[in-house]
PDB file of all heavy atoms in Angstrom:
ATOM      1  N   MET A   1      19.984  22.045 126.238  1.00  0.00           N
ATOM      2  CA  MET A   1      21.146  21.206 125.969  1.00  0.00           C
ATOM      3  C   MET A   1      20.756  19.759 125.661  1.00  0.00           C
ATOM      4  O   MET A   1      21.321  19.120 124.777  1.00  0.00           O
ATOM      5  CB  MET A   1      22.102  21.232 127.170  1.00  0.00           C
ATOM      6  CG  MET A   1      22.659  22.601 127.521  1.00  0.00           C
ATOM      7  SD  MET A   1      23.778  23.262 126.284  1.00  0.00           S
ATOM      8  CE  MET A   1      25.094  22.057 126.347  1.00  0.00           C
ATOM      9  N   ALA A   2      19.768  19.243 126.391  1.00  0.00           N
ATOM     10  CA  ALA A   2      19.391  17.837 126.246  1.00  0.00           C
ATOM     11  C   ALA A   2      18.309  17.607 125.205  1.00  0.00           C
ATOM     12  O   ALA A   2      18.197  16.502 124.668  1.00  0.00           O
ATOM     13  CB  ALA A   2      18.914  17.291 127.597  1.00  0.00           C
ATOM     14  N   GLY A   3      17.494  18.631 124.909  1.00  0.00           N
ATOM     15  CA  GLY A   3      16.354  18.433 124.038  1.00  0.00           C
ATOM     16  C   GLY A   3      16.353  19.293 122.798  1.00  0.00           C
ATOM     17  O   GLY A   3      16.491  18.806 121.672  1.00  0.00           O
ATOM     18  N   ILE A   4      16.192  20.600 122.996  1.00  0.00           N
ATOM     19  CA  ILE A   4      16.044  21.515 121.865  1.00  0.00           C
ATOM     20  C   ILE A   4      17.199  21.392 120.865  1.00  0.00           C
ATOM     21  O   ILE A   4      16.988  21.228 119.653  1.00  0.00           O
ATOM     22  CB  ILE A   4      15.926  22.968 122.352  1.00  0.00           C
ATOM     23  CG1 ILE A   4      14.571  23.206 123.038  1.00  0.00           C
ATOM     24  CG2 ILE A   4      16.123  23.951 121.200  1.00  0.00           C
ATOM     25  CD1 ILE A   4      13.395  23.276 122.111  1.00  0.00           C
ATOM     26  N   GLY A   5      18.425  21.459 121.343  1.00  0.00           N
ATOM     27  CA  GLY A   5      19.575  21.405 120.443  1.00  0.00           C
ATOM     28  C   GLY A   5      19.714  20.072 119.725  1.00  0.00           C
ATOM     29  O   GLY A   5      19.750  20.020 118.493  1.00  0.00           O
ATOM     30  N   PRO A   6      19.786  18.954 120.470  1.00  0.00           N
ATOM     31  CA  PRO A   6      19.955  17.660 119.802  1.00  0.00           C
ATOM     32  C   PRO A   6      18.820  17.303 118.844  1.00  0.00           C
ATOM     33  O   PRO A   6      19.058  16.802 117.741  1.00  0.00           O
ATOM     34  CB  PRO A   6      20.026  16.674 120.972  1.00  0.00           C
ATOM     35  CG  PRO A   6      20.566  17.483 122.104  1.00  0.00           C
ATOM     36  CD  PRO A   6      19.958  18.837 121.928  1.00  0.00           C
ATOM     37  N   MET A   7      17.577  17.550 119.242  1.00  0.00           N
ATOM     38  CA  MET A   7      16.457  17.151 118.388  1.00  0.00           C
ATOM     39  C   MET A   7      16.357  18.010 117.130  1.00  0.00           C
ATOM     40  O   MET A   7      16.179  17.500 116.023  1.00  0.00           O
ATOM     41  CB  MET A   7      15.146  17.210 119.181  1.00  0.00           C
ATOM     42  CG  MET A   7      15.043  16.198 120.297  1.00  0.00           C
ATOM     43  SD  MET A   7      15.149  14.463 119.743  1.00  0.00           S
ATOM     44  CE  MET A   7      16.823  14.057 120.256  1.00  0.00           C
ATOM     45  N   ILE A   8      16.461  19.328 117.280  1.00  0.00           N
ATOM     46  CA  ILE A   8      16.413  20.194 116.106  1.00  0.00           C
ATOM     47  C   ILE A   8      17.623  19.928 115.210  1.00  0.00           C
ATOM     48  O   ILE A   8      17.519  19.927 113.980  1.00  0.00           O
ATOM     49  CB  ILE A   8      16.333  21.672 116.513  1.00  0.00           C
ATOM     50  CG1 ILE A   8      14.948  21.973 117.125  1.00  0.00           C
ATOM     51  CG2 ILE A   8      16.590  22.597 115.323  1.00  0.00           C
ATOM     52  CD1 ILE A   8      14.759  23.396 117.593  1.00  0.00           C
ATOM     53  N   GLY A   9      18.767  19.684 115.821  1.00  0.00           N
ATOM     54  CA  GLY A   9      19.962  19.379 115.044  1.00  0.00           C
ATOM     55  C   GLY A   9      19.798  18.114 114.219  1.00  0.00           C
ATOM     56  O   GLY A   9      20.161  18.072 113.031  1.00  0.00           O
ATOM     57  N   GLN A  10      19.243  17.073 114.815  1.00  0.00           N
ATOM     58  CA  GLN A  10      19.030  15.824 114.087  1.00  0.00           C
ATOM     59  C   GLN A  10      17.960  15.979 113.009  1.00  0.00           C
ATOM     60  O   GLN A  10      18.086  15.440 111.907  1.00  0.00           O
ATOM     61  CB  GLN A  10      18.647  14.702 115.053  1.00  0.00           C
ATOM     62  CG  GLN A  10      19.756  14.261 115.979  1.00  0.00           C
ATOM     63  CD  GLN A  10      20.920  13.621 115.238  1.00  0.00           C
ATOM     64  OE1 GLN A  10      20.756  13.050 114.163  1.00  0.00           O
ATOM     65  NE2 GLN A  10      22.111  13.726 115.796  1.00  0.00           N
ATOM     66  N   ALA A  11      16.909  16.734 113.321  1.00  0.00           N
ATOM     67  CA  ALA A  11      15.874  16.977 112.310  1.00  0.00           C
ATOM     68  C   ALA A  11      16.471  17.679 111.094  1.00  0.00           C
ATOM     69  O   ALA A  11      16.204  17.305 109.942  1.00  0.00           O
ATOM     70  CB  ALA A  11      14.740  17.808 112.912  1.00  0.00           C
ATOM     71  N   GLY A  12      17.286  18.690 111.355  1.00  0.00           N
ATOM     72  CA  GLY A  12      17.926  19.408 110.263  1.00  0.00           C
ATOM     73  C   GLY A  12      18.863  18.518 109.464  1.00  0.00           C
ATOM     74  O   GLY A  12      18.907  18.598 108.224  1.00  0.00           O
ATOM     75  N   TYR A  13      19.588  17.661 110.158  1.00  0.00           N
ATOM     76  CA  TYR A  13      20.525  16.772 109.465  1.00  0.00           C
ATOM     77  C   TYR A  13      19.791  15.828 108.515  1.00  0.00           C
ATOM     78  O   TYR A  13      20.147  15.691 107.339  1.00  0.00           O
ATOM     79  CB  TYR A  13      21.351  15.967 110.473  1.00  0.00           C
ATOM     80  CG  TYR A  13      22.226  14.930 109.806  1.00  0.00           C
ATOM     81  CD1 TYR A  13      23.431  15.282 109.210  1.00  0.00           C
ATOM     82  CD2 TYR A  13      21.816  13.601 109.733  1.00  0.00           C
ATOM     83  CE1 TYR A  13      24.225  14.337 108.573  1.00  0.00           C
ATOM     84  CE2 TYR A  13      22.598  12.649 109.096  1.00  0.00           C
ATOM     85  CZ  TYR A  13      23.796  13.020 108.522  1.00  0.00           C
ATOM     86  OH  TYR A  13      24.572  12.074 107.880  1.00  0.00           O
ATOM     87  N   PHE A  14      18.760  15.164 109.031  1.00  0.00           N
ATOM     88  CA  PHE A  14      18.080  14.167 108.212  1.00  0.00           C
ATOM     89  C   PHE A  14      17.235  14.797 107.110  1.00  0.00           C
ATOM     90  O   PHE A  14      17.017  14.186 106.067  1.00  0.00           O
ATOM     91  CB  PHE A  14      17.234  13.246 109.093  1.00  0.00           C
ATOM     92  CG  PHE A  14      18.039  12.204 109.802  1.00  0.00           C
ATOM     93  CD1 PHE A  14      18.300  12.309 111.154  1.00  0.00           C
ATOM     94  CD2 PHE A  14      18.564  11.131 109.106  1.00  0.00           C
ATOM     95  CE1 PHE A  14      19.056  11.346 111.813  1.00  0.00           C
ATOM     96  CE2 PHE A  14      19.324  10.164 109.750  1.00  0.00           C
ATOM     97  CZ  PHE A  14      19.577  10.267 111.102  1.00  0.00           C
ATOM     98  N   MET A  15      16.784  16.035 107.304  1.00  0.00           N
ATOM     99  CA  MET A  15      16.004  16.704 106.270  1.00  0.00           C
ATOM    100  C   MET A  15      16.881  17.334 105.197  1.00  0.00           C
ATOM    101  O   MET A  15      16.532  17.335 104.013  1.00  0.00           O
ATOM    102  CB  MET A  15      15.111  17.787 106.899  1.00  0.00           C
ATOM    103  CG  MET A  15      13.885  17.247 107.590  1.00  0.00           C
ATOM    104  SD  MET A  15      12.711  18.564 108.032  1.00  0.00           S
ATOM    105  CE  MET A  15      13.654  19.476 109.254  1.00  0.00           C
ATOM    106  N   GLN A  16      18.048  17.876 105.600  1.00  0.00           N
ATOM    107  CA  GLN A  16      18.810  18.717 104.684  1.00  0.00           C
ATOM    108  C   GLN A  16      20.170  18.154 104.285  1.00  0.00           C
ATOM    109  O   GLN A  16      20.617  18.361 103.163  1.00  0.00           O
ATOM    110  CB  GLN A  16      19.002  20.106 105.306  1.00  0.00           C
ATOM    111  CG  GLN A  16      17.696  20.833 105.567  1.00  0.00           C
ATOM    112  CD  GLN A  16      17.918  22.160 106.267  1.00  0.00           C
ATOM    113  OE1 GLN A  16      19.028  22.489 106.668  1.00  0.00           O
ATOM    114  NE2 GLN A  16      16.865  22.942 106.415  1.00  0.00           N
ATOM    115  N   THR A  17      20.845  17.482 105.209  1.00  0.00           N
ATOM    116  CA  THR A  17      22.241  17.123 104.988  1.00  0.00           C
ATOM    117  C   THR A  17      22.439  15.675 104.563  1.00  0.00           C
ATOM    118  O   THR A  17      23.273  15.386 103.696  1.00  0.00           O
ATOM    119  CB  THR A  17      23.070  17.397 106.252  1.00  0.00           C
ATOM    120  OG1 THR A  17      22.859  18.759 106.665  1.00  0.00           O
ATOM    121  CG2 THR A  17      24.550  17.175 105.999  1.00  0.00           C
ATOM    122  N   ALA A  18      21.695  14.768 105.162  1.00  0.00           N
ATOM    123  CA  ALA A  18      21.896  13.344 104.903  1.00  0.00           C
ATOM    124  C   ALA A  18      21.689  13.025 103.423  1.00  0.00           C
ATOM    125  O   ALA A  18      20.730  13.485 102.802  1.00  0.00           O
ATOM    126  CB  ALA A  18      20.939  12.513 105.752  1.00  0.00           C
ATOM    127  N   GLU A  19      22.605  12.237 102.873  1.00  0.00           N
ATOM    128  CA  GLU A  19      22.486  11.851 101.465  1.00  0.00           C
ATOM    129  C   GLU A  19      21.262  10.969 101.245  1.00  0.00           C
ATOM    130  O   GLU A  19      20.580  11.076 100.227  1.00  0.00           O
ATOM    131  CB  GLU A  19      23.756  11.128 101.020  1.00  0.00           C
ATOM    132  CG  GLU A  19      24.986  12.023 100.992  1.00  0.00           C
ATOM    133  CD  GLU A  19      26.205  11.305 100.470  1.00  0.00           C
ATOM    134  OE1 GLU A  19      26.071  10.133 100.021  1.00  0.00           O
ATOM    135  OE2 GLU A  19      27.298  11.903 100.488  1.00  0.00           O
ATOM    136  N   GLU A  20      20.988  10.098 102.200  1.00  0.00           N
ATOM    137  CA  GLU A  20      19.805   9.235 102.104  1.00  0.00           C
ATOM    138  C   GLU A  20      18.697   9.826 102.970  1.00  0.00           C
ATOM    139  O   GLU A  20      18.882  10.037 104.162  1.00  0.00           O
ATOM    140  CB  GLU A  20      20.128   7.818 102.581  1.00  0.00           C
ATOM    141  CG  GLU A  20      18.936   6.883 102.518  1.00  0.00           C
ATOM    142  CD  GLU A  20      19.233   5.499 103.080  1.00  0.00           C
ATOM    143  OE1 GLU A  20      20.388   5.271 103.490  1.00  0.00           O
ATOM    144  OE2 GLU A  20      18.313   4.663 103.112  1.00  0.00           O
ATOM    145  N   LYS A  21      17.569  10.108 102.370  1.00  0.00           N
ATOM    146  CA  LYS A  21      16.432  10.654 103.107  1.00  0.00           C
ATOM    147  C   LYS A  21      15.639   9.495 103.717  1.00  0.00           C
ATOM    148  O   LYS A  21      15.043   8.690 102.988  1.00  0.00           O
ATOM    149  CB  LYS A  21      15.544  11.488 102.179  1.00  0.00           C
ATOM    150  CG  LYS A  21      16.258  12.727 101.632  1.00  0.00           C
ATOM    151  CD  LYS A  21      16.660  13.670 102.768  1.00  0.00           C
ATOM    152  CE  LYS A  21      17.331  14.936 102.254  1.00  0.00           C
ATOM    153  NZ  LYS A  21      18.732  14.728 101.850  1.00  0.00           N
ATOM    154  N   ILE A  22      15.672   9.394 105.032  1.00  0.00           N
ATOM    155  CA  ILE A  22      15.020   8.292 105.753  1.00  0.00           C
ATOM    156  C   ILE A  22      13.734   8.833 106.372  1.00  0.00           C
ATOM    157  O   ILE A  22      13.772   9.591 107.354  1.00  0.00           O
ATOM    158  CB  ILE A  22      15.951   7.737 106.842  1.00  0.00           C
ATOM    159  CG1 ILE A  22      17.282   7.316 106.228  1.00  0.00           C
ATOM    160  CG2 ILE A  22      15.290   6.559 107.565  1.00  0.00           C
ATOM    161  CD1 ILE A  22      18.336   6.920 107.241  1.00  0.00           C
ATOM    162  N   PRO A  23      12.577   8.483 105.826  1.00  0.00           N
ATOM    163  CA  PRO A  23      11.316   9.065 106.302  1.00  0.00           C
ATOM    164  C   PRO A  23      11.080   8.886 107.796  1.00  0.00           C
ATOM    165  O   PRO A  23      10.619   9.822 108.469  1.00  0.00           O
ATOM    166  CB  PRO A  23      10.258   8.320 105.475  1.00  0.00           C
ATOM    167  CG  PRO A  23      10.972   7.942 104.215  1.00  0.00           C
ATOM    168  CD  PRO A  23      12.374   7.617 104.653  1.00  0.00           C
ATOM    169  N   PHE A  24      11.390   7.711 108.346  1.00  0.00           N
ATOM    170  CA  PHE A  24      11.153   7.502 109.774  1.00  0.00           C
ATOM    171  C   PHE A  24      11.999   8.449 110.616  1.00  0.00           C
ATOM    172  O   PHE A  24      11.510   9.024 111.597  1.00  0.00           O
ATOM    173  CB  PHE A  24      11.472   6.052 110.170  1.00  0.00           C
ATOM    174  CG  PHE A  24      11.361   5.814 111.657  1.00  0.00           C
ATOM    175  CD1 PHE A  24      10.119   5.637 112.252  1.00  0.00           C
ATOM    176  CD2 PHE A  24      12.494   5.795 112.458  1.00  0.00           C
ATOM    177  CE1 PHE A  24      10.014   5.436 113.622  1.00  0.00           C
ATOM    178  CE2 PHE A  24      12.396   5.596 113.831  1.00  0.00           C
ATOM    179  CZ  PHE A  24      11.153   5.414 114.410  1.00  0.00           C
ATOM    180  N   ALA A  25      13.265   8.620 110.258  1.00  0.00           N
ATOM    181  CA  ALA A  25      14.141   9.509 111.024  1.00  0.00           C
ATOM    182  C   ALA A  25      13.665  10.953 110.920  1.00  0.00           C
ATOM    183  O   ALA A  25      13.645  11.685 111.919  1.00  0.00           O
ATOM    184  CB  ALA A  25      15.580   9.391 110.525  1.00  0.00           C
ATOM    185  N   ILE A  26      13.280  11.372 109.735  1.00  0.00           N
ATOM    186  CA  ILE A  26      12.787  12.738 109.557  1.00  0.00           C
ATOM    187  C   ILE A  26      11.550  12.972 110.412  1.00  0.00           C
ATOM    188  O   ILE A  26      11.438  13.980 111.110  1.00  0.00           O
ATOM    189  CB  ILE A  26      12.491  13.011 108.067  1.00  0.00           C
ATOM    190  CG1 ILE A  26      13.793  12.996 107.260  1.00  0.00           C
ATOM    191  CG2 ILE A  26      11.766  14.346 107.895  1.00  0.00           C
ATOM    192  CD1 ILE A  26      13.595  13.059 105.766  1.00  0.00           C
ATOM    193  N   GLN A  27      10.619  12.007 110.358  1.00  0.00           N
ATOM    194  CA  GLN A  27       9.382  12.149 111.141  1.00  0.00           C
ATOM    195  C   GLN A  27       9.675  12.134 112.635  1.00  0.00           C
ATOM    196  O   GLN A  27       9.114  12.926 113.395  1.00  0.00           O
ATOM    197  CB  GLN A  27       8.418  11.033 110.786  1.00  0.00           C
ATOM    198  CG  GLN A  27       7.069  11.126 111.506  1.00  0.00           C
ATOM    199  CD  GLN A  27       6.140   9.996 111.136  1.00  0.00           C
ATOM    200  OE1 GLN A  27       6.572   8.891 110.851  1.00  0.00           O
ATOM    201  NE2 GLN A  27       4.836  10.275 111.136  1.00  0.00           N
ATOM    202  N   ARG A  28      10.537  11.232 113.054  1.00  0.00           N
ATOM    203  CA  ARG A  28      10.856  11.092 114.486  1.00  0.00           C
ATOM    204  C   ARG A  28      11.424  12.386 115.051  1.00  0.00           C
ATOM    205  O   ARG A  28      10.944  12.889 116.073  1.00  0.00           O
ATOM    206  CB  ARG A  28      11.872   9.959 114.667  1.00  0.00           C
ATOM    207  CG  ARG A  28      12.604   9.940 116.006  1.00  0.00           C
ATOM    208  CD  ARG A  28      11.715   9.434 117.127  1.00  0.00           C
ATOM    209  NE  ARG A  28      12.438   9.368 118.387  1.00  0.00           N
ATOM    210  CZ  ARG A  28      12.518  10.351 119.272  1.00  0.00           C
ATOM    211  NH1 ARG A  28      11.906  11.499 119.039  1.00  0.00           N
ATOM    212  NH2 ARG A  28      13.192  10.192 120.390  1.00  0.00           N
ATOM    213  N   TYR A  29      12.426  12.943 114.408  1.00  0.00           N
ATOM    214  CA  TYR A  29      13.089  14.127 114.953  1.00  0.00           C
ATOM    215  C   TYR A  29      12.273  15.390 114.727  1.00  0.00           C
ATOM    216  O   TYR A  29      12.304  16.305 115.558  1.00  0.00           O
ATOM    217  CB  TYR A  29      14.495  14.251 114.376  1.00  0.00           C
ATOM    218  CG  TYR A  29      15.428  13.186 114.896  1.00  0.00           C
ATOM    219  CD1 TYR A  29      15.952  12.202 114.055  1.00  0.00           C
ATOM    220  CD2 TYR A  29      15.769  13.142 116.243  1.00  0.00           C
ATOM    221  CE1 TYR A  29      16.796  11.221 114.547  1.00  0.00           C
ATOM    222  CE2 TYR A  29      16.612  12.157 116.734  1.00  0.00           C
ATOM    223  CZ  TYR A  29      17.118  11.201 115.888  1.00  0.00           C
ATOM    224  OH  TYR A  29      17.941  10.218 116.380  1.00  0.00           O
ATOM    225  N   THR A  30      11.535  15.445 113.638  1.00  0.00           N
ATOM    226  CA  THR A  30      10.678  16.605 113.419  1.00  0.00           C
ATOM    227  C   THR A  30       9.568  16.664 114.454  1.00  0.00           C
ATOM    228  O   THR A  30       9.288  17.722 115.035  1.00  0.00           O
ATOM    229  CB  THR A  30      10.074  16.569 112.001  1.00  0.00           C
ATOM    230  OG1 THR A  30      11.127  16.613 111.046  1.00  0.00           O
ATOM    231  CG2 THR A  30       9.154  17.760 111.772  1.00  0.00           C
ATOM    232  N   ASN A  31       8.918  15.533 114.709  1.00  0.00           N
ATOM    233  CA  ASN A  31       7.823  15.504 115.682  1.00  0.00           C
ATOM    234  C   ASN A  31       8.306  15.843 117.083  1.00  0.00           C
ATOM    235  O   ASN A  31       7.631  16.576 117.829  1.00  0.00           O
ATOM    236  CB  ASN A  31       7.153  14.131 115.688  1.00  0.00           C
ATOM    237  CG  ASN A  31       6.307  13.888 114.452  1.00  0.00           C
ATOM    238  OD1 ASN A  31       6.013  14.827 113.700  1.00  0.00           O
ATOM    239  ND2 ASN A  31       5.912  12.650 114.220  1.00  0.00           N
ATOM    240  N   GLU A  32       9.466  15.325 117.466  1.00  0.00           N
ATOM    241  CA  GLU A  32       9.978  15.614 118.802  1.00  0.00           C
ATOM    242  C   GLU A  32      10.409  17.068 118.914  1.00  0.00           C
ATOM    243  O   GLU A  32      10.189  17.714 119.948  1.00  0.00           O
ATOM    244  CB  GLU A  32      11.139  14.683 119.145  1.00  0.00           C
ATOM    245  CG  GLU A  32      11.746  14.900 120.518  1.00  0.00           C
ATOM    246  CD  GLU A  32      10.789  14.684 121.691  1.00  0.00           C
ATOM    247  OE1 GLU A  32       9.637  14.237 121.468  1.00  0.00           O
ATOM    248  OE2 GLU A  32      11.187  14.974 122.836  1.00  0.00           O
ATOM    249  N   SER A  33      10.993  17.613 117.869  1.00  0.00           N
ATOM    250  CA  SER A  33      11.359  19.034 117.874  1.00  0.00           C
ATOM    251  C   SER A  33      10.118  19.895 118.017  1.00  0.00           C
ATOM    252  O   SER A  33      10.102  20.867 118.779  1.00  0.00           O
ATOM    253  CB  SER A  33      12.105  19.399 116.591  1.00  0.00           C
ATOM    254  OG  SER A  33      13.315  18.694 116.483  1.00  0.00           O
ATOM    255  N   LEU A  34       9.086  19.551 117.286  1.00  0.00           N
ATOM    256  CA  LEU A  34       7.842  20.310 117.349  1.00  0.00           C
ATOM    257  C   LEU A  34       7.234  20.235 118.744  1.00  0.00           C
ATOM    258  O   LEU A  34       6.724  21.228 119.269  1.00  0.00           O
ATOM    259  CB  LEU A  34       6.853  19.778 116.309  1.00  0.00           C
ATOM    260  CG  LEU A  34       5.573  20.579 116.104  1.00  0.00           C
ATOM    261  CD1 LEU A  34       5.893  21.979 115.589  1.00  0.00           C
ATOM    262  CD2 LEU A  34       4.642  19.861 115.132  1.00  0.00           C
ATOM    263  N   ARG A  35       7.304  19.059 119.355  1.00  0.00           N
ATOM    264  CA  ARG A  35       6.791  18.915 120.725  1.00  0.00           C
ATOM    265  C   ARG A  35       7.549  19.811 121.695  1.00  0.00           C
ATOM    266  O   ARG A  35       6.951  20.490 122.547  1.00  0.00           O
ATOM    267  CB  ARG A  35       6.897  17.451 121.182  1.00  0.00           C
ATOM    268  CG  ARG A  35       6.262  17.197 122.553  1.00  0.00           C
ATOM    269  CD  ARG A  35       6.603  15.817 123.063  1.00  0.00           C
ATOM    270  NE  ARG A  35       7.990  15.720 123.493  1.00  0.00           N
ATOM    271  CZ  ARG A  35       8.443  16.153 124.678  1.00  0.00           C
ATOM    272  NH1 ARG A  35       7.625  16.729 125.551  1.00  0.00           N
ATOM    273  NH2 ARG A  35       9.719  16.008 125.000  1.00  0.00           N
ATOM    274  N   LEU A  36       8.868  19.842 121.572  1.00  0.00           N
ATOM    275  CA  LEU A  36       9.688  20.646 122.470  1.00  0.00           C
ATOM    276  C   LEU A  36       9.436  22.139 122.273  1.00  0.00           C
ATOM    277  O   LEU A  36       9.382  22.900 123.250  1.00  0.00           O
ATOM    278  CB  LEU A  36      11.163  20.324 122.249  1.00  0.00           C
ATOM    279  CG  LEU A  36      11.601  18.912 122.665  1.00  0.00           C
ATOM    280  CD1 LEU A  36      13.000  18.621 122.161  1.00  0.00           C
ATOM    281  CD2 LEU A  36      11.521  18.726 124.165  1.00  0.00           C
TER     282      LEU A  36
END
């Protein structure tokens, strides 16, 4: 609830849904998702 869902959800949003691709946000959420 606190980690897997929010982090993977944000990674997916910034990689696939967001109109503006922000490299820092993509890297931040992808790396944390991978860690989890």
